[in-house]
Amino acid sequence: MPYQYPHTIENGLGETIIFLGLEPSAGGDKLIAESFCQPGAGPAMHTHFKQDEVFTVLSGKMGYQILGEEPKMANPGETVFFKRGTPHKFWVEGQEVLHCSGWIQPAHSIEFFLGAVFAAQNKSGKGEPERFDGAYLLTRYASEYDMQDIPWFVKKIILPIVYVVGQLLGKYKHFEGAPEPLK
């Protein structure tokens, strides 16, 4: 899916990402972005299995945590690196909007995936994506992304069943042309 840059997505819950463009690199295209998080916003514990992610705090304060470690904080000018395969989360620490610059490498399907997750959150009007869209994304792209807070039984049994029901009901026409998941 070719995108025009800059490309902005918002989840209606206080998170905005502006994708600025792709930078060719020997390690795979690097997707350059800026993000803004309102106080109280930030993604749940998640994993990118195939990508490294870097944030540099421009303003505000970032709380962040790697699964199994104590929470830490990053101030303006500080950079946080999340290595691929490392479960992590971040949030706004304090009452000031968190503004970061950063990148994800290699880009793979992240722009599509995050855009679809944000759209599904907007569709549901709450933190979780709309049921069928969430099942589609978390089942189809399970080799690339994971959400640690979702119980194993739900991820391995319930979501795949909802995904199949969604296929039978024709719920995924808006995902036509979606990138193939990486194995």
C-alpha atoms as a PDB file:
ATOM      1  CA  MET A   1       0.000   0.000   0.000  1.00  0.00           C
ATOM      2  CA  PRO A   2       1.736   3.175  -1.088  1.00  0.00           C
ATOM      3  CA  TYR A   3       1.122   6.121   1.215  1.00  0.00           C
ATOM      4  CA  GLN A   4       1.385   9.840   0.587  1.00  0.00           C
ATOM      5  CA  TYR A   5       3.537  11.577   3.197  1.00  0.00           C
ATOM      6  CA  PRO A   6       2.986  13.028   5.629  1.00  0.00           C
ATOM      7  CA  HIS A   7       0.271  10.529   6.628  1.00  0.00           C
ATOM      8  CA  THR A   8      -1.532  11.066   9.956  1.00  0.00           C
ATOM      9  CA  ILE A   9      -3.512   8.560  12.012  1.00  0.00           C
ATOM     10  CA  GLU A  10      -5.421   9.183  15.257  1.00  0.00           C
ATOM     11  CA  ASN A  11      -7.129   6.676  17.531  1.00  0.00           C
ATOM     12  CA  GLY A  12      -9.611   9.042  19.209  1.00  0.00           C
ATOM     13  CA  LEU A  13      -8.073   8.149  22.576  1.00  0.00           C
ATOM     14  CA  GLY A  14      -5.304  10.731  22.638  1.00  0.00           C
ATOM     15  CA  GLU A  15      -2.707   9.172  20.336  1.00  0.00           C
ATOM     16  CA  THR A  16      -1.658  10.728  17.029  1.00  0.00           C
ATOM     17  CA  ILE A  17       1.085   9.429  14.746  1.00  0.00           C
ATOM     18  CA  ILE A  18       2.381  11.359  11.754  1.00  0.00           C
ATOM     19  CA  PHE A  19       4.264   9.118   9.335  1.00  0.00           C
ATOM     20  CA  LEU A  20       6.778  11.387   7.616  1.00  0.00           C
ATOM     21  CA  GLY A  21       8.282   9.001   5.096  1.00  0.00           C
ATOM     22  CA  LEU A  22      10.465   6.021   4.361  1.00  0.00           C
ATOM     23  CA  GLU A  23      14.234   6.193   4.491  1.00  0.00           C
ATOM     24  CA  PRO A  24      15.981   3.440   2.504  1.00  0.00           C
ATOM     25  CA  SER A  25      18.511   1.523   4.575  1.00  0.00           C
ATOM     26  CA  ALA A  26      20.566  -1.667   4.352  1.00  0.00           C
ATOM     27  CA  GLY A  27      18.547  -3.070   7.274  1.00  0.00           C
ATOM     28  CA  GLY A  28      15.251  -2.430   5.487  1.00  0.00           C
ATOM     29  CA  ASP A  29      13.257   0.756   4.993  1.00  0.00           C
ATOM     30  CA  LYS A  30      13.109   2.919   8.099  1.00  0.00           C
ATOM     31  CA  LEU A  31       9.682   4.505   8.677  1.00  0.00           C
ATOM     32  CA  ILE A  32      10.209   7.979  10.137  1.00  0.00           C
ATOM     33  CA  ALA A  33       7.421   9.348  12.340  1.00  0.00           C
ATOM     34  CA  GLU A  34       6.375  11.824  14.998  1.00  0.00           C
ATOM     35  CA  SER A  35       3.897  11.002  17.714  1.00  0.00           C
ATOM     36  CA  PHE A  36       1.777  12.963  20.137  1.00  0.00           C
ATOM     37  CA  CYS A  37       0.152  11.414  23.207  1.00  0.00           C
ATOM     38  CA  GLN A  38      -2.258  13.202  25.479  1.00  0.00           C
ATOM     39  CA  PRO A  39      -2.015  12.673  29.255  1.00  0.00           C
ATOM     40  CA  GLY A  40      -3.461   9.273  30.094  1.00  0.00           C
ATOM     41  CA  ALA A  41      -2.764   7.915  26.593  1.00  0.00           C
ATOM     42  CA  GLY A  42      -0.294   5.356  25.297  1.00  0.00           C
ATOM     43  CA  PRO A  43      -0.365   1.836  23.916  1.00  0.00           C
ATOM     44  CA  ALA A  44      -0.795  -1.267  26.064  1.00  0.00           C
ATOM     45  CA  MET A  45       2.044  -3.791  26.420  1.00  0.00           C
ATOM     46  CA  HIS A  46       2.791  -5.005  22.891  1.00  0.00           C
ATOM     47  CA  THR A  47       5.496  -6.621  20.783  1.00  0.00           C
ATOM     48  CA  HIS A  48       6.815  -5.996  17.282  1.00  0.00           C
ATOM     49  CA  PHE A  49       8.457  -9.328  16.465  1.00  0.00           C
ATOM     50  CA  LYS A  50      10.176  -8.126  13.292  1.00  0.00           C
ATOM     51  CA  GLN A  51      10.989  -4.444  13.918  1.00  0.00           C
ATOM     52  CA  ASP A  52      13.104  -2.217  16.122  1.00  0.00           C
ATOM     53  CA  GLU A  53      11.424   0.948  17.417  1.00  0.00           C
ATOM     54  CA  VAL A  54      13.085   4.160  18.618  1.00  0.00           C
ATOM     55  CA  PHE A  55      11.601   7.275  20.240  1.00  0.00           C
ATOM     56  CA  THR A  56      13.339  10.539  21.086  1.00  0.00           C
ATOM     57  CA  VAL A  57      11.342  12.701  23.481  1.00  0.00           C
ATOM     58  CA  LEU A  58      10.964  16.242  22.109  1.00  0.00           C
ATOM     59  CA  SER A  59       8.677  17.572  24.847  1.00  0.00           C
ATOM     60  CA  GLY A  60       6.768  16.146  27.782  1.00  0.00           C
ATOM     61  CA  LYS A  61       7.865  13.059  29.690  1.00  0.00           C
ATOM     62  CA  MET A  62       7.592   9.440  28.618  1.00  0.00           C
ATOM     63  CA  GLY A  63       7.028   6.629  31.057  1.00  0.00           C
ATOM     64  CA  TYR A  64       7.965   3.287  29.551  1.00  0.00           C
ATOM     65  CA  GLN A  65       8.376  -0.314  30.558  1.00  0.00           C
ATOM     66  CA  ILE A  66       9.864  -3.462  29.111  1.00  0.00           C
ATOM     67  CA  LEU A  67       7.997  -6.569  30.259  1.00  0.00           C
ATOM     68  CA  GLY A  68       9.529  -7.902  33.484  1.00  0.00           C
ATOM     69  CA  GLU A  69      11.436  -4.697  34.252  1.00  0.00           C
ATOM     70  CA  GLU A  70      10.658  -1.733  36.448  1.00  0.00           C
ATOM     71  CA  PRO A  71       9.061   1.313  34.753  1.00  0.00           C
ATOM     72  CA  LYS A  72      11.482   4.035  33.618  1.00  0.00           C
ATOM     73  CA  MET A  73      11.161   7.624  32.457  1.00  0.00           C
ATOM     74  CA  ALA A  74      12.589   9.553  29.494  1.00  0.00           C
ATOM     75  CA  ASN A  75      12.828  13.351  29.456  1.00  0.00           C
ATOM     76  CA  PRO A  76      13.213  15.739  26.501  1.00  0.00           C
ATOM     77  CA  GLY A  77      16.336  14.926  24.519  1.00  0.00           C
ATOM     78  CA  GLU A  78      16.465  11.317  25.700  1.00  0.00           C
ATOM     79  CA  THR A  79      16.065   8.355  23.355  1.00  0.00           C
ATOM     80  CA  VAL A  80      14.379   5.029  24.097  1.00  0.00           C
ATOM     81  CA  PHE A  81      15.151   1.915  22.004  1.00  0.00           C
ATOM     82  CA  PHE A  82      12.839  -1.099  21.889  1.00  0.00           C
ATOM     83  CA  LYS A  83      14.548  -4.065  20.233  1.00  0.00           C
ATOM     84  CA  ARG A  84      12.388  -6.301  18.025  1.00  0.00           C
ATOM     85  CA  GLY A  85      10.737  -9.115  19.938  1.00  0.00           C
ATOM     86  CA  THR A  86      10.772  -7.138  23.213  1.00  0.00           C
ATOM     87  CA  PRO A  87       7.341  -6.626  24.849  1.00  0.00           C
ATOM     88  CA  HIS A  88       7.025  -2.959  25.830  1.00  0.00           C
ATOM     89  CA  LYS A  89       4.636  -0.104  26.475  1.00  0.00           C
ATOM     90  CA  PHE A  90       4.867   3.638  26.991  1.00  0.00           C
ATOM     91  CA  TRP A  91       2.671   6.412  28.313  1.00  0.00           C
ATOM     92  CA  VAL A  92       2.578  10.104  29.146  1.00  0.00           C
ATOM     93  CA  GLU A  93       4.184  10.758  32.495  1.00  0.00           C
ATOM     94  CA  GLY A  94       2.562  13.882  33.933  1.00  0.00           C
ATOM     95  CA  GLN A  95       0.064  16.347  32.493  1.00  0.00           C
ATOM     96  CA  GLU A  96       1.992  17.672  29.471  1.00  0.00           C
ATOM     97  CA  VAL A  97       1.454  16.288  25.955  1.00  0.00           C
ATOM     98  CA  LEU A  98       4.210  13.846  24.998  1.00  0.00           C
ATOM     99  CA  HIS A  99       5.781  14.705  21.643  1.00  0.00           C
ATOM    100  CA  CYS A 100       8.331  12.290  20.195  1.00  0.00           C
ATOM    101  CA  SER A 101      10.197  11.742  16.977  1.00  0.00           C
ATOM    102  CA  GLY A 102      11.292   8.282  16.013  1.00  0.00           C
ATOM    103  CA  TRP A 103      11.450   5.414  13.592  1.00  0.00           C
ATOM    104  CA  ILE A 104      10.565   1.777  13.080  1.00  0.00           C
ATOM    105  CA  GLN A 105      12.831  -0.501  11.055  1.00  0.00           C
ATOM    106  CA  PRO A 106      12.241  -2.394   8.880  1.00  0.00           C
ATOM    107  CA  ALA A 107       8.887  -0.807   8.121  1.00  0.00           C
ATOM    108  CA  HIS A 108       7.117  -3.942   6.800  1.00  0.00           C
ATOM    109  CA  SER A 109       3.364  -3.620   7.466  1.00  0.00           C
ATOM    110  CA  ILE A 110       3.462  -1.319  10.522  1.00  0.00           C
ATOM    111  CA  GLU A 111       1.894   1.688   8.814  1.00  0.00           C
ATOM    112  CA  PHE A 112      -1.048  -0.409   7.600  1.00  0.00           C
ATOM    113  CA  PHE A 113      -1.338  -2.299  10.896  1.00  0.00           C
ATOM    114  CA  LEU A 114      -1.336   0.768  13.173  1.00  0.00           C
ATOM    115  CA  GLY A 115      -3.667   2.647  10.822  1.00  0.00           C
ATOM    116  CA  ALA A 116      -6.095  -0.288  10.878  1.00  0.00           C
ATOM    117  CA  VAL A 117      -5.874  -0.636  14.678  1.00  0.00           C
ATOM    118  CA  PHE A 118      -6.519   3.099  15.146  1.00  0.00           C
ATOM    119  CA  ALA A 119      -9.454   2.968  12.697  1.00  0.00           C
ATOM    120  CA  ALA A 120     -10.884  -0.050  14.561  1.00  0.00           C
ATOM    121  CA  GLN A 121     -10.542   1.820  17.876  1.00  0.00           C
ATOM    122  CA  ASN A 122     -12.363   4.796  16.350  1.00  0.00           C
ATOM    123  CA  LYS A 123     -15.067   2.420  15.076  1.00  0.00           C
ATOM    124  CA  SER A 124     -15.581   0.912  18.546  1.00  0.00           C
ATOM    125  CA  GLY A 125     -15.297   4.236  20.399  1.00  0.00           C
ATOM    126  CA  LYS A 126     -13.182   2.617  23.122  1.00  0.00           C
ATOM    127  CA  GLY A 127      -9.698   1.330  23.831  1.00  0.00           C
ATOM    128  CA  GLU A 128     -10.210  -2.030  22.177  1.00  0.00           C
ATOM    129  CA  PRO A 129     -10.619  -2.289  18.427  1.00  0.00           C
ATOM    130  CA  GLU A 130     -14.030  -3.219  17.040  1.00  0.00           C
ATOM    131  CA  ARG A 131     -14.454  -6.978  17.610  1.00  0.00           C
ATOM    132  CA  PHE A 132     -14.235  -8.293  14.039  1.00  0.00           C
ATOM    133  CA  ASP A 133     -11.498  -5.872  12.958  1.00  0.00           C
ATOM    134  CA  GLY A 134      -9.467  -6.712  16.063  1.00  0.00           C
ATOM    135  CA  ALA A 135      -9.827 -10.434  15.403  1.00  0.00           C
ATOM    136  CA  TYR A 136      -8.753  -9.928  11.786  1.00  0.00           C
ATOM    137  CA  LEU A 137      -5.663  -7.894  12.678  1.00  0.00           C
ATOM    138  CA  LEU A 138      -4.473  -9.942  15.654  1.00  0.00           C
ATOM    139  CA  THR A 139      -5.050 -13.271  13.892  1.00  0.00           C
ATOM    140  CA  ARG A 140      -3.765 -12.402  10.422  1.00  0.00           C
ATOM    141  CA  TYR A 141      -0.682 -10.542  11.725  1.00  0.00           C
ATOM    142  CA  ALA A 142       0.075 -12.766  14.746  1.00  0.00           C
ATOM    143  CA  SER A 143       3.534 -13.545  13.330  1.00  0.00           C
ATOM    144  CA  GLU A 144       4.384  -9.827  13.430  1.00  0.00           C
ATOM    145  CA  TYR A 145       2.579  -8.275  16.414  1.00  0.00           C
ATOM    146  CA  ASP A 146       1.283  -9.337  19.809  1.00  0.00           C
ATOM    147  CA  MET A 147      -0.672  -7.782  22.668  1.00  0.00           C
ATOM    148  CA  GLN A 148       0.513  -9.187  26.000  1.00  0.00           C
ATOM    149  CA  ASP A 149      -2.619  -8.232  27.972  1.00  0.00           C
ATOM    150  CA  ILE A 150      -4.879 -10.502  25.917  1.00  0.00           C
ATOM    151  CA  PRO A 151      -5.108 -13.973  27.510  1.00  0.00           C
ATOM    152  CA  TRP A 152      -3.627 -16.891  25.572  1.00  0.00           C
ATOM    153  CA  PHE A 153      -7.019 -18.636  25.244  1.00  0.00           C
ATOM    154  CA  VAL A 154      -8.553 -15.528  23.689  1.00  0.00           C
ATOM    155  CA  LYS A 155      -5.648 -15.069  21.236  1.00  0.00           C
ATOM    156  CA  LYS A 156      -5.360 -18.717  20.201  1.00  0.00           C
ATOM    157  CA  ILE A 157      -9.015 -19.871  20.308  1.00  0.00           C
ATOM    158  CA  ILE A 158     -11.569 -17.032  20.517  1.00  0.00           C
ATOM    159  CA  LEU A 159      -9.995 -14.514  18.095  1.00  0.00           C
ATOM    160  CA  PRO A 160      -9.428 -17.104  15.333  1.00  0.00           C
ATOM    161  CA  ILE A 161     -13.069 -18.209  15.653  1.00  0.00           C
ATOM    162  CA  VAL A 162     -14.290 -14.586  15.473  1.00  0.00           C
ATOM    163  CA  TYR A 163     -11.949 -14.082  12.479  1.00  0.00           C
ATOM    164  CA  VAL A 164     -13.541 -17.021  10.598  1.00  0.00           C
ATOM    165  CA  VAL A 165     -17.064 -15.855  11.489  1.00  0.00           C
ATOM    166  CA  GLY A 166     -16.103 -12.394  10.188  1.00  0.00           C
ATOM    167  CA  GLN A 167     -14.940 -13.961   6.916  1.00  0.00           C
ATOM    168  CA  LEU A 168     -18.222 -15.864   6.587  1.00  0.00           C
ATOM    169  CA  LEU A 169     -20.212 -12.679   7.279  1.00  0.00           C
ATOM    170  CA  GLY A 170     -18.188 -10.605   4.789  1.00  0.00           C
ATOM    171  CA  LYS A 171     -16.858  -8.232   7.468  1.00  0.00           C
ATOM    172  CA  TYR A 172     -13.415  -7.709   5.910  1.00  0.00           C
ATOM    173  CA  LYS A 173     -14.095  -6.069   2.547  1.00  0.00           C
ATOM    174  CA  HIS A 174     -12.451  -2.870   3.830  1.00  0.00           C
ATOM    175  CA  PHE A 175      -9.207  -4.853   4.290  1.00  0.00           C
ATOM    176  CA  GLU A 176      -8.941  -5.811   0.598  1.00  0.00           C
ATOM    177  CA  GLY A 177      -5.413  -5.093  -0.582  1.00  0.00           C
ATOM    178  CA  ALA A 178      -3.961  -5.442   2.918  1.00  0.00           C
ATOM    179  CA  PRO A 179      -0.292  -6.443   2.931  1.00  0.00           C
ATOM    180  CA  GLU A 180       0.481 -10.115   3.305  1.00  0.00           C
ATOM    181  CA  PRO A 181       1.682 -11.016   6.804  1.00  0.00           C
ATOM    182  CA  LEU A 182       5.344 -11.915   7.229  1.00  0.00           C
ATOM    183  CA  LYS A 183       6.166 -15.440   8.275  1.00  0.00           C
END
